[in-house]
Amino acid sequence: MSSLAKLPRYGGRLRVAPMQVGDIEDVVRVENDAYPFPWTRGNFLDSLASRYAAWVAREDDGRLAGYFLLMHAVDDVHLLNITVRPDLQGQGIGGLLLDRVCALAADVGIGAVLLEVRPSNLHAYAVYRHAGFREIGRRKNYYPAAGQTREDAIVMRLEIGAVRA
């Protein structure tokens, strides 16, 4: 199942569809461009093998614009990774992907989305806050960081009912 979405700030249309193994090379390329400590090809393949919900958004010309992966839990879905290609950030694509995350959770009767974000990732933190996520805790030394240090994670949660009501 795929769908088309038109975003005013982006100015084009995106096709959103479930991620396939054939998407992995493009996903890894975007991941490497977007992060100093990217997921590996193996991380993505393992996620697909584990049947995590994984989706991609592609431009009309087929180029990958973004993707997300989430793991279903009992009471919530855990957003494991959401990424927009760096040259397309700030055009509403992240919001479109977050909307899809929430719709997928609601479709299976799950009432909340949980995620972690680096405190240093101010843009992502602002996007999540704007979408209605609230800070619920911290995970100490969660992320790798430059040198031998680690960075904490801010744990955020969004109640789907608050968005859907």
C-alpha atoms as a PDB file:
ATOM      1  CA  MET A   1       0.000   0.000   0.000  1.00  0.00           C
ATOM      2  CA  SER A   2       1.431   3.349  -0.965  1.00  0.00           C
ATOM      3  CA  SER A   3       0.042   6.834  -1.052  1.00  0.00           C
ATOM      4  CA  LEU A   4       0.830  10.196  -2.550  1.00  0.00           C
ATOM      5  CA  ALA A   5       1.237  13.295  -0.446  1.00  0.00           C
ATOM      6  CA  LYS A   6       1.578  16.905  -1.583  1.00  0.00           C
ATOM      7  CA  LEU A   7       3.444  19.262   0.722  1.00  0.00           C
ATOM      8  CA  PRO A   8       3.143  23.028   0.170  1.00  0.00           C
ATOM      9  CA  ARG A   9       6.629  23.918   1.488  1.00  0.00           C
ATOM     10  CA  TYR A  10       8.258  21.087  -0.437  1.00  0.00           C
ATOM     11  CA  GLY A  11       6.446  22.010  -3.635  1.00  0.00           C
ATOM     12  CA  GLY A  12       6.273  18.471  -4.952  1.00  0.00           C
ATOM     13  CA  ARG A  13       4.653  15.163  -4.293  1.00  0.00           C
ATOM     14  CA  LEU A  14       6.028  12.229  -2.361  1.00  0.00           C
ATOM     15  CA  ARG A  15       5.099   8.584  -2.662  1.00  0.00           C
ATOM     16  CA  VAL A  16       5.049   6.907   0.756  1.00  0.00           C
ATOM     17  CA  ALA A  17       5.306   3.108   0.767  1.00  0.00           C
ATOM     18  CA  PRO A  18       6.551   0.248   2.926  1.00  0.00           C
ATOM     19  CA  MET A  19      10.334  -0.132   2.891  1.00  0.00           C
ATOM     20  CA  GLN A  20      11.657  -3.082   0.910  1.00  0.00           C
ATOM     21  CA  VAL A  21      15.090  -4.714   0.887  1.00  0.00           C
ATOM     22  CA  GLY A  22      15.672  -2.985  -2.457  1.00  0.00           C
ATOM     23  CA  ASP A  23      15.379   0.396  -0.700  1.00  0.00           C
ATOM     24  CA  ILE A  24      18.232  -0.304   1.729  1.00  0.00           C
ATOM     25  CA  GLU A  25      21.106   1.056  -0.377  1.00  0.00           C
ATOM     26  CA  ASP A  26      19.327   4.412  -0.779  1.00  0.00           C
ATOM     27  CA  VAL A  27      18.372   4.425   2.903  1.00  0.00           C
ATOM     28  CA  VAL A  28      21.962   3.760   4.000  1.00  0.00           C
ATOM     29  CA  ARG A  29      23.234   6.526   1.700  1.00  0.00           C
ATOM     30  CA  VAL A  30      20.820   9.068   3.236  1.00  0.00           C
ATOM     31  CA  GLU A  31      21.561   7.790   6.749  1.00  0.00           C
ATOM     32  CA  ASN A  32      25.293   8.296   6.204  1.00  0.00           C
ATOM     33  CA  ASP A  33      24.708  11.810   4.863  1.00  0.00           C
ATOM     34  CA  ALA A  34      22.424  12.744   7.750  1.00  0.00           C
ATOM     35  CA  TYR A  35      24.260  11.496  10.850  1.00  0.00           C
ATOM     36  CA  PRO A  36      27.763  11.392  12.300  1.00  0.00           C
ATOM     37  CA  PHE A  37      26.911   8.006  13.901  1.00  0.00           C
ATOM     38  CA  PRO A  38      24.617   6.341  11.341  1.00  0.00           C
ATOM     39  CA  TRP A  39      22.809   3.039  11.478  1.00  0.00           C
ATOM     40  CA  THR A  40      24.513   0.329   9.439  1.00  0.00           C
ATOM     41  CA  ARG A  41      23.147  -1.599   6.491  1.00  0.00           C
ATOM     42  CA  GLY A  42      22.861  -4.536   8.889  1.00  0.00           C
ATOM     43  CA  ASN A  43      20.747  -2.508  11.326  1.00  0.00           C
ATOM     44  CA  PHE A  44      18.232  -1.798   8.575  1.00  0.00           C
ATOM     45  CA  LEU A  45      18.217  -5.371   7.268  1.00  0.00           C
ATOM     46  CA  ASP A  46      17.757  -6.723  10.805  1.00  0.00           C
ATOM     47  CA  SER A  47      14.838  -4.329  11.328  1.00  0.00           C
ATOM     48  CA  LEU A  48      13.135  -5.537   8.160  1.00  0.00           C
ATOM     49  CA  ALA A  49      13.800  -9.167   9.104  1.00  0.00           C
ATOM     50  CA  SER A  50      12.215  -8.468  12.507  1.00  0.00           C
ATOM     51  CA  ARG A  51       9.150  -7.135  10.691  1.00  0.00           C
ATOM     52  CA  TYR A  52       9.383  -3.662  12.182  1.00  0.00           C
ATOM     53  CA  ALA A  53       7.145  -1.175  10.427  1.00  0.00           C
ATOM     54  CA  ALA A  54       9.442   0.571   7.962  1.00  0.00           C
ATOM     55  CA  TRP A  55       8.393   3.128   5.360  1.00  0.00           C
ATOM     56  CA  VAL A  56      10.074   5.272   2.729  1.00  0.00           C
ATOM     57  CA  ALA A  57       9.051   8.516   1.042  1.00  0.00           C
ATOM     58  CA  ARG A  58      10.243   8.994  -2.537  1.00  0.00           C
ATOM     59  CA  GLU A  59      10.134  11.988  -4.830  1.00  0.00           C
ATOM     60  CA  ASP A  60       8.469  11.854  -8.252  1.00  0.00           C
ATOM     61  CA  ASP A  61      11.861  11.076  -9.802  1.00  0.00           C
ATOM     62  CA  GLY A  62      12.337   8.135  -7.431  1.00  0.00           C
ATOM     63  CA  ARG A  63      14.955   9.723  -5.177  1.00  0.00           C
ATOM     64  CA  LEU A  64      14.607   8.871  -1.506  1.00  0.00           C
ATOM     65  CA  ALA A  65      13.342  11.838   0.523  1.00  0.00           C
ATOM     66  CA  GLY A  66      13.032  10.157   3.923  1.00  0.00           C
ATOM     67  CA  TYR A  67      12.132   7.073   5.910  1.00  0.00           C
ATOM     68  CA  PHE A  68      11.165   5.771   9.319  1.00  0.00           C
ATOM     69  CA  LEU A  69      11.201   2.526  11.260  1.00  0.00           C
ATOM     70  CA  LEU A  70       9.111   1.682  14.283  1.00  0.00           C
ATOM     71  CA  MET A  71       8.691  -1.233  16.614  1.00  0.00           C
ATOM     72  CA  HIS A  72       5.302  -2.156  18.006  1.00  0.00           C
ATOM     73  CA  ALA A  73       5.121  -2.719  21.761  1.00  0.00           C
ATOM     74  CA  VAL A  74       2.132  -3.499  23.954  1.00  0.00           C
ATOM     75  CA  ASP A  75       1.006   0.042  24.770  1.00  0.00           C
ATOM     76  CA  ASP A  76       2.964   2.161  22.301  1.00  0.00           C
ATOM     77  CA  VAL A  77       5.072   2.167  19.192  1.00  0.00           C
ATOM     78  CA  HIS A  78       8.737   2.992  19.528  1.00  0.00           C
ATOM     79  CA  LEU A  79      10.017   5.222  16.748  1.00  0.00           C
ATOM     80  CA  LEU A  80      13.489   3.807  16.156  1.00  0.00           C
ATOM     81  CA  ASN A  81      14.641   6.008  13.307  1.00  0.00           C
ATOM     82  CA  ILE A  82      13.128   8.833  11.280  1.00  0.00           C
ATOM     83  CA  THR A  83      15.245  10.680   8.774  1.00  0.00           C
ATOM     84  CA  VAL A  84      14.769  13.272   6.052  1.00  0.00           C
ATOM     85  CA  ARG A  85      17.448  13.700   3.409  1.00  0.00           C
ATOM     86  CA  PRO A  86      19.560  16.668   4.593  1.00  0.00           C
ATOM     87  CA  ASP A  87      18.910  18.857   1.528  1.00  0.00           C
ATOM     88  CA  LEU A  88      15.137  18.476   2.020  1.00  0.00           C
ATOM     89  CA  GLN A  89      14.952  19.197   5.739  1.00  0.00           C
ATOM     90  CA  GLY A  90      12.704  22.050   6.834  1.00  0.00           C
ATOM     91  CA  GLN A  91      10.117  21.464   4.087  1.00  0.00           C
ATOM     92  CA  GLY A  92       7.514  19.526   6.048  1.00  0.00           C
ATOM     93  CA  ILE A  93       8.632  16.027   5.108  1.00  0.00           C
ATOM     94  CA  GLY A  94       9.457  15.094   8.710  1.00  0.00           C
ATOM     95  CA  GLY A  95       5.959  16.159   9.746  1.00  0.00           C
ATOM     96  CA  LEU A  96       4.456  14.046   6.962  1.00  0.00           C
ATOM     97  CA  LEU A  97       6.442  11.032   8.170  1.00  0.00           C
ATOM     98  CA  LEU A  98       5.422  11.661  11.794  1.00  0.00           C
ATOM     99  CA  ASP A  99       1.785  11.851  10.695  1.00  0.00           C
ATOM    100  CA  ARG A 100       2.206   8.455   9.016  1.00  0.00           C
ATOM    101  CA  VAL A 101       3.746   7.051  12.226  1.00  0.00           C
ATOM    102  CA  CYS A 102       0.747   8.249  14.238  1.00  0.00           C
ATOM    103  CA  ALA A 103      -1.724   6.904  11.676  1.00  0.00           C
ATOM    104  CA  LEU A 104      -0.050   3.480  11.720  1.00  0.00           C
ATOM    105  CA  ALA A 105      -0.182   3.406  15.523  1.00  0.00           C
ATOM    106  CA  ALA A 106      -3.834   4.440  15.567  1.00  0.00           C
ATOM    107  CA  ASP A 107      -4.710   1.857  12.892  1.00  0.00           C
ATOM    108  CA  VAL A 108      -3.578  -0.966  15.188  1.00  0.00           C
ATOM    109  CA  GLY A 109      -5.133   0.554  18.295  1.00  0.00           C
ATOM    110  CA  ILE A 110      -1.927   1.751  19.936  1.00  0.00           C
ATOM    111  CA  GLY A 111      -2.357   4.976  21.855  1.00  0.00           C
ATOM    112  CA  ALA A 112       1.135   6.458  22.036  1.00  0.00           C
ATOM    113  CA  VAL A 113       4.439   6.926  20.221  1.00  0.00           C
ATOM    114  CA  LEU A 114       7.721   6.824  22.128  1.00  0.00           C
ATOM    115  CA  LEU A 115      11.094   8.054  20.835  1.00  0.00           C
ATOM    116  CA  GLU A 116      14.565   9.180  21.872  1.00  0.00           C
ATOM    117  CA  VAL A 117      16.334  12.282  20.585  1.00  0.00           C
ATOM    118  CA  ARG A 118      19.764  13.744  21.229  1.00  0.00           C
ATOM    119  CA  PRO A 119      19.725  16.955  23.283  1.00  0.00           C
ATOM    120  CA  SER A 120      22.168  18.353  20.703  1.00  0.00           C
ATOM    121  CA  ASN A 121      19.681  17.736  17.864  1.00  0.00           C
ATOM    122  CA  LEU A 122      17.771  20.959  18.424  1.00  0.00           C
ATOM    123  CA  HIS A 123      15.968  20.835  15.076  1.00  0.00           C
ATOM    124  CA  ALA A 124      14.559  17.339  15.656  1.00  0.00           C
ATOM    125  CA  TYR A 125      13.629  18.211  19.227  1.00  0.00           C
ATOM    126  CA  ALA A 126      11.705  21.266  17.972  1.00  0.00           C
ATOM    127  CA  VAL A 127       9.904  19.191  15.318  1.00  0.00           C
ATOM    128  CA  TYR A 128       8.824  16.659  17.939  1.00  0.00           C
ATOM    129  CA  ARG A 129       7.653  19.366  20.355  1.00  0.00           C
ATOM    130  CA  HIS A 130       5.691  21.039  17.555  1.00  0.00           C
ATOM    131  CA  ALA A 131       4.064  17.682  16.778  1.00  0.00           C
ATOM    132  CA  GLY A 132       2.915  17.397  20.401  1.00  0.00           C
ATOM    133  CA  PHE A 133       5.566  15.112  21.898  1.00  0.00           C
ATOM    134  CA  ARG A 134       6.362  15.712  25.566  1.00  0.00           C
ATOM    135  CA  GLU A 135       9.580  14.962  27.398  1.00  0.00           C
ATOM    136  CA  ILE A 136       9.105  12.067  29.837  1.00  0.00           C
ATOM    137  CA  GLY A 137      12.658  11.191  30.863  1.00  0.00           C
ATOM    138  CA  ARG A 138      16.311  10.723  29.983  1.00  0.00           C
ATOM    139  CA  ARG A 139      18.497   7.778  29.112  1.00  0.00           C
ATOM    140  CA  LYS A 140      22.027   8.384  30.358  1.00  0.00           C
ATOM    141  CA  ASN A 141      24.913   7.807  27.936  1.00  0.00           C
ATOM    142  CA  TYR A 142      22.539   6.458  25.284  1.00  0.00           C
ATOM    143  CA  TYR A 143      24.128   7.734  22.069  1.00  0.00           C
ATOM    144  CA  PRO A 144      27.706   7.509  20.820  1.00  0.00           C
ATOM    145  CA  ALA A 145      29.395  10.905  20.601  1.00  0.00           C
ATOM    146  CA  ALA A 146      32.718  12.366  19.498  1.00  0.00           C
ATOM    147  CA  GLY A 147      35.786  10.887  21.148  1.00  0.00           C
ATOM    148  CA  GLN A 148      35.156   8.421  23.935  1.00  0.00           C
ATOM    149  CA  THR A 149      32.110  10.266  25.267  1.00  0.00           C
ATOM    150  CA  ARG A 150      28.429   9.394  25.099  1.00  0.00           C
ATOM    151  CA  GLU A 151      25.377  11.637  24.866  1.00  0.00           C
ATOM    152  CA  ASP A 152      22.174  11.276  26.849  1.00  0.00           C
ATOM    153  CA  ALA A 153      18.844  10.752  25.099  1.00  0.00           C
ATOM    154  CA  ILE A 154      15.710  12.733  25.794  1.00  0.00           C
ATOM    155  CA  VAL A 155      12.785  10.305  25.896  1.00  0.00           C
ATOM    156  CA  MET A 156       9.613  11.772  24.410  1.00  0.00           C
ATOM    157  CA  ARG A 157       6.049  10.486  24.155  1.00  0.00           C
ATOM    158  CA  LEU A 158       3.018  11.486  22.147  1.00  0.00           C
ATOM    159  CA  GLU A 159      -0.465  10.401  23.107  1.00  0.00           C
ATOM    160  CA  ILE A 160      -2.223   9.570  19.836  1.00  0.00           C
ATOM    161  CA  GLY A 161      -5.642  10.395  21.272  1.00  0.00           C
ATOM    162  CA  ALA A 162      -4.445  13.966  21.862  1.00  0.00           C
ATOM    163  CA  VAL A 163      -3.608  14.298  18.158  1.00  0.00           C
ATOM    164  CA  ARG A 164      -6.628  12.441  16.776  1.00  0.00           C
ATOM    165  CA  ALA A 165      -9.257  14.099  19.000  1.00  0.00           C
END
